[in-house]
Amino acid sequence: MAEPQETETVASVAALYLGNILFALERCALALESEGKPVDAGFYRGIARKLAEARGREKI
C-alpha cells in the first residue's frame, strides 16, 4: 500500500485556492447586495478581508 506523500490540511487547501475563495466570497456578496441584503454582503466581505489580510501577514 502506497503511503501518502503529504497530508492535506484545511489551511494548505485554503492557501492553494485562496484566490478562488476570495472571488467566490465577492460573488456571494454581490448577489446578496442585489437581493437587498447589504448586512449579509458585508459579512462575507469581512470574511474575505480577514483571509486576504492573513495571507498578507504570511508573506512578510
N, C-alpha and C. Protein backbone atom coordinates (compact mmCIF):
# COMPACT_ATOMS: atom_id res chain seq x y z
N MET A 1 0.84 -1.18 0.00
CA MET A 1 0.00 0.00 0.00
C MET A 1 0.89 1.24 0.00
N ALA A 2 0.59 2.18 -0.90
CA ALA A 2 1.39 3.41 -1.02
C ALA A 2 1.09 4.34 0.14
N GLU A 3 2.13 4.98 0.64
CA GLU A 3 1.95 5.95 1.73
C GLU A 3 1.69 7.33 1.14
N PRO A 4 0.81 8.10 1.79
CA PRO A 4 0.56 9.45 1.29
C PRO A 4 1.83 10.29 1.39
N GLN A 5 2.10 11.08 0.33
CA GLN A 5 3.29 11.90 0.33
C GLN A 5 3.16 13.10 1.25
N GLU A 6 1.98 13.68 1.33
CA GLU A 6 1.76 14.84 2.16
C GLU A 6 0.32 14.83 2.65
N THR A 7 0.12 15.15 3.89
CA THR A 7 -1.23 15.23 4.43
C THR A 7 -1.80 16.60 4.14
N GLU A 8 -2.95 16.63 3.46
CA GLU A 8 -3.60 17.90 3.20
C GLU A 8 -4.32 18.36 4.45
N THR A 9 -4.23 19.64 4.72
CA THR A 9 -4.96 20.24 5.82
C THR A 9 -5.90 21.30 5.25
N VAL A 10 -6.83 21.74 6.06
CA VAL A 10 -7.72 22.82 5.63
C VAL A 10 -6.88 24.04 5.25
N ALA A 11 -5.88 24.34 6.05
CA ALA A 11 -5.04 25.51 5.79
C ALA A 11 -4.29 25.38 4.46
N SER A 12 -3.76 24.21 4.16
CA SER A 12 -3.00 24.07 2.92
C SER A 12 -3.90 24.14 1.70
N VAL A 13 -5.08 23.57 1.78
CA VAL A 13 -6.01 23.64 0.66
C VAL A 13 -6.53 25.07 0.48
N ALA A 14 -6.87 25.74 1.59
CA ALA A 14 -7.34 27.12 1.52
C ALA A 14 -6.27 28.03 0.95
N ALA A 15 -5.02 27.82 1.34
CA ALA A 15 -3.93 28.64 0.81
C ALA A 15 -3.78 28.43 -0.69
N LEU A 16 -3.89 27.21 -1.14
CA LEU A 16 -3.76 26.89 -2.55
C LEU A 16 -4.84 27.57 -3.38
N TYR A 17 -6.06 27.58 -2.87
CA TYR A 17 -7.21 28.10 -3.61
C TYR A 17 -7.70 29.45 -3.09
N LEU A 18 -6.86 30.21 -2.41
CA LEU A 18 -7.31 31.45 -1.79
C LEU A 18 -7.91 32.42 -2.81
N GLY A 19 -7.30 32.58 -3.95
CA GLY A 19 -7.84 33.48 -4.96
C GLY A 19 -9.25 33.09 -5.37
N ASN A 20 -9.47 31.80 -5.57
CA ASN A 20 -10.80 31.31 -5.94
C ASN A 20 -11.81 31.53 -4.81
N ILE A 21 -11.37 31.33 -3.59
CA ILE A 21 -12.25 31.52 -2.44
C ILE A 21 -12.64 32.99 -2.32
N LEU A 22 -11.66 33.90 -2.47
CA LEU A 22 -11.95 35.33 -2.39
C LEU A 22 -12.91 35.74 -3.50
N PHE A 23 -12.72 35.22 -4.70
CA PHE A 23 -13.62 35.51 -5.81
C PHE A 23 -15.04 35.05 -5.49
N ALA A 24 -15.17 33.84 -4.98
CA ALA A 24 -16.49 33.29 -4.66
C ALA A 24 -17.17 34.09 -3.56
N LEU A 25 -16.41 34.52 -2.57
CA LEU A 25 -16.98 35.34 -1.49
C LEU A 25 -17.49 36.67 -2.03
N GLU A 26 -16.74 37.28 -2.95
CA GLU A 26 -17.20 38.55 -3.54
C GLU A 26 -18.44 38.34 -4.40
N ARG A 27 -18.48 37.25 -5.17
CA ARG A 27 -19.68 36.97 -5.96
C ARG A 27 -20.89 36.77 -5.05
N CYS A 28 -20.68 36.10 -3.94
CA CYS A 28 -21.75 35.91 -2.96
C CYS A 28 -22.22 37.26 -2.43
N ALA A 29 -21.26 38.12 -2.09
CA ALA A 29 -21.60 39.44 -1.57
C ALA A 29 -22.37 40.26 -2.60
N LEU A 30 -21.96 40.21 -3.86
CA LEU A 30 -22.67 40.93 -4.91
C LEU A 30 -24.11 40.43 -5.06
N ALA A 31 -24.28 39.12 -5.00
CA ALA A 31 -25.62 38.55 -5.10
C ALA A 31 -26.49 39.00 -3.93
N LEU A 32 -25.91 38.99 -2.74
CA LEU A 32 -26.68 39.42 -1.57
C LEU A 32 -27.06 40.90 -1.66
N GLU A 33 -26.15 41.72 -2.16
CA GLU A 33 -26.48 43.13 -2.35
C GLU A 33 -27.63 43.29 -3.32
N SER A 34 -27.62 42.52 -4.41
CA SER A 34 -28.70 42.63 -5.40
C SER A 34 -30.03 42.15 -4.83
N GLU A 35 -29.98 41.34 -3.78
CA GLU A 35 -31.19 40.87 -3.10
C GLU A 35 -31.61 41.82 -1.99
N GLY A 36 -30.90 42.93 -1.85
CA GLY A 36 -31.25 43.90 -0.82
C GLY A 36 -30.79 43.50 0.57
N LYS A 37 -29.69 42.77 0.66
CA LYS A 37 -29.18 42.30 1.95
C LYS A 37 -27.75 42.81 2.16
N PRO A 38 -27.60 44.13 2.33
CA PRO A 38 -26.25 44.69 2.46
C PRO A 38 -25.51 44.23 3.72
N VAL A 39 -26.22 43.96 4.79
CA VAL A 39 -25.56 43.50 6.01
C VAL A 39 -24.95 42.11 5.78
N ASP A 40 -25.70 41.24 5.14
CA ASP A 40 -25.18 39.90 4.83
C ASP A 40 -23.99 39.99 3.88
N ALA A 41 -24.08 40.88 2.88
CA ALA A 41 -22.97 41.07 1.94
C ALA A 41 -21.72 41.52 2.69
N GLY A 42 -21.89 42.43 3.62
CA GLY A 42 -20.76 42.91 4.41
C GLY A 42 -20.12 41.80 5.24
N PHE A 43 -20.93 40.88 5.72
CA PHE A 43 -20.41 39.76 6.49
C PHE A 43 -19.43 38.93 5.65
N TYR A 44 -19.83 38.61 4.41
CA TYR A 44 -18.98 37.80 3.54
C TYR A 44 -17.75 38.58 3.08
N ARG A 45 -17.91 39.88 2.87
CA ARG A 45 -16.73 40.70 2.53
C ARG A 45 -15.78 40.77 3.72
N GLY A 46 -16.31 40.76 4.92
CA GLY A 46 -15.47 40.74 6.10
C GLY A 46 -14.64 39.46 6.19
N ILE A 47 -15.24 38.35 5.86
CA ILE A 47 -14.50 37.08 5.84
C ILE A 47 -13.38 37.17 4.80
N ALA A 48 -13.69 37.67 3.62
CA ALA A 48 -12.68 37.80 2.56
C ALA A 48 -11.55 38.72 3.01
N ARG A 49 -11.90 39.81 3.66
CA ARG A 49 -10.88 40.76 4.13
C ARG A 49 -9.94 40.10 5.13
N LYS A 50 -10.50 39.35 6.07
CA LYS A 50 -9.67 38.67 7.06
C LYS A 50 -8.74 37.65 6.41
N LEU A 51 -9.24 36.91 5.43
CA LEU A 51 -8.40 35.94 4.72
C LEU A 51 -7.27 36.64 3.97
N ALA A 52 -7.60 37.73 3.27
CA ALA A 52 -6.60 38.47 2.50
C ALA A 52 -5.55 39.08 3.43
N GLU A 53 -5.99 39.62 4.54
CA GLU A 53 -5.04 40.21 5.49
C GLU A 53 -4.11 39.14 6.09
N ALA A 54 -4.68 37.99 6.40
CA ALA A 54 -3.87 36.91 6.95
C ALA A 54 -2.84 36.45 5.92
N ARG A 55 -3.22 36.39 4.66
CA ARG A 55 -2.27 36.00 3.60
C ARG A 55 -1.16 37.03 3.50
N GLY A 56 -1.51 38.31 3.60
CA GLY A 56 -0.52 39.37 3.54
C GLY A 56 0.49 39.28 4.67
N ARG A 57 0.03 38.95 5.86
CA ARG A 57 0.94 38.81 7.01
C ARG A 57 1.83 37.58 6.82
N GLU A 58 1.31 36.55 6.18
CA GLU A 58 2.07 35.33 5.96
C GLU A 58 3.24 35.55 5.01
N LYS A 59 3.10 36.43 4.05
CA LYS A 59 4.12 36.66 3.03
C LYS A 59 5.28 37.51 3.53
N ILE A 60 5.12 38.19 4.65
CA ILE A 60 6.18 39.08 5.17
C ILE A 60 7.37 38.31 5.67
